[in-house]
């Protein structure tokens, strides 16, 4: 984005008002509904899609793994730590190296070796329930209307199988894909676990060891350095040829942004054809939200939208994550 375009974007942000924001949001929802009813919509799901169902967050998962690793090693030496000691050690380790999650998870994976995936699975589902309002609406969106496909595919960045459990209840035929060379029948919805798959009941799935668990630096490096990796090719195919809706993603993943950039360069129409639902970030002051602060918020959103449009994405802002199921319901209608 050049400096003249930035100045123009800032000027547009200053003129922005809540009514025009709402009109644009409604327009995007109508466009998504049209694509859905034309069997041309692909879902990209991130951690936010499973959070309300109690799946462990990234930070919680790493913290619990640290506690487990510390317990394991200290017990071997006959040393028993109190819960308070464990928390202090976890906090200290997390603050090392500026607490880079990828660096810390690399250390964890090496520490647990063969036990790693089973331990991650146990922590992942420890407080989980099978569904949530958002997961239910995602499931309903995947139920084909008469003579339609509806959702063309799901790209899932999560390790969990909560989407599968909800589709089972709705009797939607699907096929979970977590490695190369898998063929899907025409009557099945493909669910692509591009960062790995850890279903709660591993006995229900075959060849899970082939799944690349993108949990540490090695996994991200593999995706970045292997452009023809099945996960990259799958994502790029849908990003290039279909309309994609991003839910529960922060949109900061470097590999995803790289793929979006490649896909946007192939877009001959040059108009953003993907959509991301993001929670509105509002800056406040000690004197609540004054006119000047509100104007700054509008400019900030305008700039954010411009940056994402360069990657081919329209932003649908929500005040709360609880608004997302309502949007999905409207897309279905």
Protein backbone atom coordinates (compact mmCIF):
# COMPACT_ATOMS: atom_id res chain seq x y z
CA UNK A 1 0.00 0.00 0.00
CA UNK A 2 1.61 3.29 -1.12
CA UNK A 3 1.48 6.53 0.85
CA UNK A 4 -1.19 8.10 -1.37
CA UNK A 5 -3.49 5.13 -0.90
CA UNK A 6 -2.88 5.25 2.85
CA UNK A 7 -3.83 8.95 2.94
CA UNK A 8 -6.99 8.22 0.95
CA UNK A 9 -7.86 5.34 3.28
CA UNK A 10 -7.44 7.56 6.32
CA UNK A 11 -9.70 10.18 4.73
CA UNK A 12 -12.34 7.50 4.09
CA UNK A 13 -12.06 6.37 7.70
CA UNK A 14 -12.68 9.89 9.00
CA UNK A 15 -15.92 10.05 6.97
CA UNK A 16 -17.02 6.62 8.12
CA UNK A 17 -20.17 6.18 10.25
CA UNK A 18 -21.97 3.32 11.98
CA UNK A 19 -24.85 3.23 9.47
CA UNK A 20 -22.54 2.71 6.50
CA UNK A 21 -20.69 0.00 8.47
CA UNK A 22 -23.96 -1.85 9.07
CA UNK A 23 -25.01 -1.57 5.41
CA UNK A 24 -21.69 -3.01 4.31
CA UNK A 25 -22.00 -5.86 6.82
CA UNK A 26 -25.50 -6.73 5.54
CA UNK A 27 -24.23 -6.63 1.96
CA UNK A 28 -21.44 -9.09 2.77
CA UNK A 29 -23.86 -11.46 4.50
CA UNK A 30 -26.16 -11.37 1.46
CA UNK A 31 -23.20 -12.11 -0.83
CA UNK A 32 -22.17 -15.04 1.36
CA UNK A 33 -25.73 -16.39 1.34
CA UNK A 34 -25.79 -16.20 -2.45
CA UNK A 35 -22.49 -18.08 -2.72
CA UNK A 36 -23.73 -20.67 -0.23
CA UNK A 37 -26.88 -21.33 -2.25
CA UNK A 38 -24.70 -21.60 -5.37
CA UNK A 39 -22.65 -24.39 -3.72
CA UNK A 40 -19.55 -22.23 -3.80
CA UNK A 41 -18.71 -21.61 -0.13
CA UNK A 42 -15.76 -23.11 1.78
CA UNK A 43 -15.30 -22.75 5.55
CA UNK A 44 -11.89 -22.05 7.10
CA UNK A 45 -12.08 -22.72 10.86
CA UNK A 46 -9.66 -21.70 13.60
CA UNK A 47 -9.42 -22.05 17.38
CA UNK A 48 -12.32 -19.66 17.96
CA UNK A 49 -14.71 -22.19 16.42
CA UNK A 50 -14.09 -24.66 19.28
CA UNK A 51 -13.43 -22.32 22.21
CA UNK A 52 -17.02 -22.15 23.53
CA UNK A 53 -17.07 -25.95 23.67
CA UNK A 54 -14.26 -25.95 26.22
CA UNK A 55 -11.40 -27.10 24.00
CA UNK A 56 -8.13 -25.99 25.62
CA UNK A 57 -6.74 -22.75 24.23
CA UNK A 58 -3.22 -22.63 22.87
CA UNK A 59 -1.85 -20.92 25.99
CA UNK A 60 -3.64 -23.31 28.34
CA UNK A 61 -2.43 -26.30 26.35
CA UNK A 62 1.20 -25.18 26.50
CA UNK A 63 0.97 -24.34 30.22
CA UNK A 64 -0.46 -27.73 31.10
CA UNK A 65 2.20 -29.47 29.04
CA UNK A 66 4.89 -27.58 30.95
CA UNK A 67 3.37 -28.65 34.25
CA UNK A 68 3.23 -32.26 33.11
CA UNK A 69 6.83 -32.20 31.86
CA UNK A 70 8.10 -30.63 35.08
CA UNK A 71 6.18 -33.17 37.17
CA UNK A 72 7.57 -36.04 35.16
CA UNK A 73 11.20 -35.00 35.38
CA UNK A 74 11.14 -33.86 39.00
CA UNK A 75 9.40 -37.04 40.15
CA UNK A 76 12.21 -39.08 38.61
CA UNK A 77 14.56 -37.31 41.00
CA UNK A 78 12.28 -37.88 43.97
CA UNK A 79 11.37 -34.20 44.18
CA UNK A 80 7.75 -33.23 44.82
CA UNK A 81 6.64 -29.73 43.89
CA UNK A 82 3.64 -27.91 45.31
CA UNK A 83 1.01 -26.52 42.95
CA UNK A 84 2.30 -23.03 43.74
CA UNK A 85 5.85 -24.05 42.78
CA UNK A 86 4.60 -25.56 39.51
CA UNK A 87 2.83 -22.34 38.54
CA UNK A 88 5.91 -20.25 39.33
CA UNK A 89 8.16 -22.48 37.22
CA UNK A 90 5.68 -22.46 34.33
CA UNK A 91 5.52 -18.65 34.37
CA UNK A 92 9.31 -18.36 34.46
CA UNK A 93 9.82 -20.72 31.53
CA UNK A 94 7.12 -18.97 29.53
CA UNK A 95 8.94 -15.67 29.98
CA UNK A 96 12.15 -17.05 28.53
CA UNK A 97 13.00 -15.95 24.98
CA UNK A 98 10.09 -13.50 25.09
CA UNK A 99 7.81 -16.53 25.37
CA UNK A 100 7.72 -17.65 21.75
CA UNK A 101 5.02 -20.37 21.72
CA UNK A 102 6.59 -22.15 18.75
CA UNK A 103 9.98 -22.25 20.47
CA UNK A 104 8.50 -23.50 23.73
CA UNK A 105 6.45 -26.20 22.01
CA UNK A 106 9.56 -27.47 20.24
CA UNK A 107 11.16 -27.90 23.65
CA UNK A 108 8.04 -29.67 24.95
CA UNK A 109 7.81 -32.09 22.06
CA UNK A 110 11.39 -33.16 22.55
CA UNK A 111 10.79 -33.59 26.29
CA UNK A 112 7.85 -35.95 25.97
CA UNK A 113 8.93 -37.92 22.89
CA UNK A 114 6.50 -40.84 22.26
CA UNK A 115 3.97 -39.67 24.87
CA UNK A 116 3.51 -36.26 23.29
CA UNK A 117 0.42 -36.74 21.09
CA UNK A 118 -1.52 -38.73 23.70
CA UNK A 119 -0.77 -36.09 26.34
CA UNK A 120 -1.85 -33.26 24.03
CA UNK A 121 -5.07 -35.16 23.29
CA UNK A 122 -5.83 -35.62 27.00
CA UNK A 123 -5.30 -31.93 27.79
CA UNK A 124 -7.16 -30.79 24.66
CA UNK A 125 -10.41 -32.53 25.64
CA UNK A 126 -10.07 -32.31 29.43
CA UNK A 127 -12.83 -29.70 29.88
CA UNK A 128 -14.52 -30.09 26.49
CA UNK A 129 -18.15 -30.74 25.68
CA UNK A 130 -19.30 -31.99 22.30
CA UNK A 131 -21.04 -28.89 21.06
CA UNK A 132 -21.75 -25.16 21.38
CA UNK A 133 -24.12 -22.68 19.76
CA UNK A 134 -21.50 -21.85 17.14
CA UNK A 135 -20.73 -25.50 16.38
CA UNK A 136 -24.44 -26.24 16.06
CA UNK A 137 -24.88 -23.44 13.53
CA UNK A 138 -21.80 -24.59 11.63
CA UNK A 139 -23.31 -28.07 11.54
CA UNK A 140 -26.64 -26.74 10.26
CA UNK A 141 -24.80 -24.85 7.55
CA UNK A 142 -23.28 -28.16 6.44
CA UNK A 143 -26.69 -29.85 6.10
CA UNK A 144 -27.42 -29.71 2.35
CA UNK A 145 -30.66 -28.06 1.31
CA UNK A 146 -32.74 -29.94 -1.23
CA UNK A 147 -30.71 -30.54 -4.40
CA UNK A 148 -27.76 -28.53 -3.05
CA UNK A 149 -24.31 -29.14 -1.66
CA UNK A 150 -24.24 -26.04 0.53
CA UNK A 151 -20.77 -26.03 2.06
CA UNK A 152 -18.25 -27.26 -0.48
CA UNK A 153 -15.48 -28.16 2.02
CA UNK A 154 -14.07 -27.32 5.45
CA UNK A 155 -10.45 -26.35 6.06
CA UNK A 156 -9.91 -26.96 9.76
CA UNK A 157 -6.81 -25.64 11.57
CA UNK A 158 -7.90 -27.26 14.83
CA UNK A 159 -6.70 -30.60 16.15
CA UNK A 160 -10.10 -31.54 17.62
CA UNK A 161 -12.98 -33.51 16.09
CA UNK A 162 -15.90 -31.44 17.42
CA UNK A 163 -17.06 -30.56 13.90
CA UNK A 164 -17.19 -34.27 13.09
CA UNK A 165 -19.20 -35.01 16.24
CA UNK A 166 -21.77 -32.37 15.37
CA UNK A 167 -22.08 -33.66 11.80
CA UNK A 168 -22.56 -37.19 13.12
CA UNK A 169 -25.59 -36.00 15.10
CA UNK A 170 -26.99 -34.31 12.01
CA UNK A 171 -26.28 -37.41 9.86
CA UNK A 172 -24.16 -35.43 7.42
CA UNK A 173 -21.80 -37.59 5.39
CA UNK A 174 -18.21 -36.38 5.68
CA UNK A 175 -14.64 -37.57 5.32
CA UNK A 176 -11.87 -36.32 7.60
CA UNK A 177 -8.62 -35.76 5.70
CA UNK A 178 -5.34 -35.45 7.59
CA UNK A 179 -2.74 -36.87 5.21
CA UNK A 180 -1.89 -37.09 1.52
CA UNK A 181 -3.54 -39.38 -1.02
CA UNK A 182 -7.05 -39.51 0.48
CA UNK A 183 -9.96 -39.70 -1.96
CA UNK A 184 -13.39 -38.32 -1.05
CA UNK A 185 -16.67 -39.57 -2.50
CA UNK A 186 -18.92 -37.08 -4.26
CA UNK A 187 -21.57 -37.37 -1.54
CA UNK A 188 -19.10 -36.64 1.30
CA UNK A 189 -18.10 -33.31 2.80
CA UNK A 190 -14.32 -33.07 3.00
CA UNK A 191 -12.96 -31.85 6.36
CA UNK A 192 -9.28 -31.09 5.87
CA UNK A 193 -7.23 -30.97 9.07
CA UNK A 194 -4.28 -29.12 7.58
CA UNK A 195 -2.45 -28.63 10.91
CA UNK A 196 -2.99 -32.19 12.13
CA UNK A 197 -5.73 -34.24 13.71
CA UNK A 198 -6.17 -35.54 17.26
CA UNK A 199 -9.67 -37.03 17.53
CA UNK A 200 -10.85 -37.83 21.02
CA UNK A 201 -11.33 -41.51 20.17
CA UNK A 202 -8.33 -42.35 18.02
CA UNK A 203 -9.56 -45.92 17.44
CA UNK A 204 -12.26 -44.56 15.11
CA UNK A 205 -9.68 -43.34 12.57
CA UNK A 206 -6.95 -45.04 10.55
CA UNK A 207 -3.33 -44.01 9.95
CA UNK A 208 -3.38 -41.06 12.35
CA UNK A 209 0.40 -41.33 12.58
CA UNK A 210 0.56 -39.91 9.04
CA UNK A 211 -0.97 -36.67 10.26
CA UNK A 212 1.54 -33.82 10.52
CA UNK A 213 0.89 -32.16 13.87
CA UNK A 214 1.77 -28.50 13.28
CA UNK A 215 2.51 -27.76 16.90
CA UNK A 216 6.08 -26.48 16.86
CA UNK A 217 8.61 -24.76 14.67
CA UNK A 218 9.39 -27.92 12.72
CA UNK A 219 5.77 -28.24 11.58
CA UNK A 220 5.51 -24.62 10.44
CA UNK A 221 8.87 -24.84 8.68
CA UNK A 222 7.69 -27.94 6.83
CA UNK A 223 4.61 -26.14 5.54
CA UNK A 224 6.56 -23.03 4.58
CA UNK A 225 9.35 -24.92 2.83
CA UNK A 226 7.21 -27.48 1.00
CA UNK A 227 4.98 -25.55 -1.44
CA UNK A 228 3.55 -28.80 -2.82
CA UNK A 229 2.66 -30.25 0.56
CA UNK A 230 -0.91 -31.65 0.35
CA UNK A 231 -2.13 -29.21 3.02
CA UNK A 232 -0.79 -26.20 1.12
CA UNK A 233 -2.14 -27.42 -2.21
CA UNK A 234 -5.59 -28.07 -0.75
CA UNK A 235 -5.82 -24.62 0.79
CA UNK A 236 -4.51 -22.89 -2.31
CA UNK A 237 -6.97 -24.74 -4.52
CA UNK A 238 -9.98 -23.50 -2.56
CA UNK A 239 -8.55 -20.02 -2.03
CA UNK A 240 -8.03 -19.68 -5.79
CA UNK A 241 -11.28 -21.19 -7.09
CA UNK A 242 -13.95 -20.65 -4.45
CA UNK A 243 -15.37 -18.19 -1.95
CA UNK A 244 -13.99 -18.80 1.54
CA UNK A 245 -15.35 -17.73 4.93
CA UNK A 246 -12.86 -17.53 7.81
CA UNK A 247 -14.27 -18.12 11.29
CA UNK A 248 -12.35 -18.22 14.58
CA UNK A 249 -9.04 -17.25 12.99
CA UNK A 250 -6.87 -14.26 13.90
CA UNK A 251 -5.57 -14.21 10.30
CA UNK A 252 -1.97 -13.81 11.52
CA UNK A 253 -0.72 -17.28 10.52
CA UNK A 254 2.25 -16.59 8.19
CA UNK A 255 1.63 -19.60 5.98
CA UNK A 256 -2.04 -18.76 5.52
CA UNK A 257 -1.19 -15.16 4.65
CA UNK A 258 1.38 -16.42 2.12
CA UNK A 259 -1.24 -18.64 0.47
CA UNK A 260 -3.77 -15.79 0.47
CA UNK A 261 -1.22 -13.55 -1.22
CA UNK A 262 -0.59 -16.16 -3.94
CA UNK A 263 -4.32 -16.67 -4.47
CA UNK A 264 -5.05 -12.93 -4.65
CA UNK A 265 -2.46 -12.55 -7.41
CA UNK A 266 -4.34 -15.18 -9.42
CA UNK A 267 -7.65 -13.34 -8.98
CA UNK A 268 -8.25 -11.75 -12.41
CA UNK A 269 -11.27 -9.77 -11.17
CA UNK A 270 -9.08 -8.04 -8.54
CA UNK A 271 -12.03 -7.79 -6.15
CA UNK A 272 -11.86 -9.47 -2.72
CA UNK A 273 -13.83 -12.70 -2.93
CA UNK A 274 -13.23 -14.08 0.58
CA UNK A 275 -14.68 -13.05 3.94
CA UNK A 276 -13.40 -13.13 7.53
CA UNK A 277 -15.48 -12.57 10.65
CA UNK A 278 -13.41 -10.64 13.19
CA UNK A 279 -14.24 -9.15 16.56
CA UNK A 280 -14.18 -5.37 16.49
CA UNK A 281 -11.26 -3.87 18.40
CA UNK A 282 -12.31 -0.62 20.04
CA UNK A 283 -9.80 1.78 21.56
CA UNK A 284 -11.06 3.67 24.60
CA UNK A 285 -9.78 6.52 26.72
CA UNK A 286 -10.14 7.40 30.40
CA UNK A 287 -13.07 9.63 29.41
CA UNK A 288 -14.94 6.77 27.74
CA UNK A 289 -15.08 6.96 23.93
CA UNK A 290 -15.04 10.56 22.79
CA UNK A 291 -15.58 11.79 19.23
CA UNK A 292 -11.85 11.94 18.50
CA UNK A 293 -11.25 8.41 19.78
CA UNK A 294 -14.26 7.16 17.81
CA UNK A 295 -12.86 8.74 14.65
CA UNK A 296 -9.53 7.07 15.30
CA UNK A 297 -11.35 3.72 15.66
CA UNK A 298 -13.03 4.26 12.30
CA UNK A 299 -9.71 5.10 10.64
CA UNK A 300 -8.08 2.07 12.25
CA UNK A 301 -10.82 -0.23 10.92
CA UNK A 302 -10.59 1.33 7.47
CA UNK A 303 -6.85 0.66 7.39
CA UNK A 304 -7.33 -2.91 8.65
CA UNK A 305 -9.90 -3.55 5.93
CA UNK A 306 -7.56 -2.14 3.29
CA UNK A 307 -4.71 -4.39 4.39
CA UNK A 308 -6.98 -7.45 4.26
CA UNK A 309 -8.42 -6.48 0.88
CA UNK A 310 -4.91 -6.71 -0.52
CA UNK A 311 -5.07 -10.38 0.48
CA UNK A 312 -8.51 -10.75 -1.11
CA UNK A 313 -10.55 -10.62 2.11
CA UNK A 314 -13.61 -8.59 3.11
CA UNK A 315 -14.00 -8.10 6.86
CA UNK A 316 -17.28 -8.63 8.71
CA UNK A 317 -16.90 -6.97 12.10
CA UNK A 318 -18.80 -8.26 15.13
CA UNK A 319 -19.11 -6.74 18.58
CA UNK A 320 -19.08 -10.17 20.24
CA UNK A 321 -18.19 -13.71 19.20
CA UNK A 322 -21.78 -14.58 20.18
CA UNK A 323 -22.90 -12.71 17.03
CA UNK A 324 -21.28 -15.29 14.72
CA UNK A 325 -23.97 -18.01 15.02
CA UNK A 326 -26.60 -15.39 14.07
CA UNK A 327 -24.63 -14.54 10.92
CA UNK A 328 -24.35 -18.22 9.97
CA UNK A 329 -28.08 -18.63 10.47
CA UNK A 330 -28.74 -15.76 8.07
CA UNK A 331 -26.38 -17.23 5.48
CA UNK A 332 -28.32 -20.50 5.63
CA UNK A 333 -31.71 -18.82 5.05
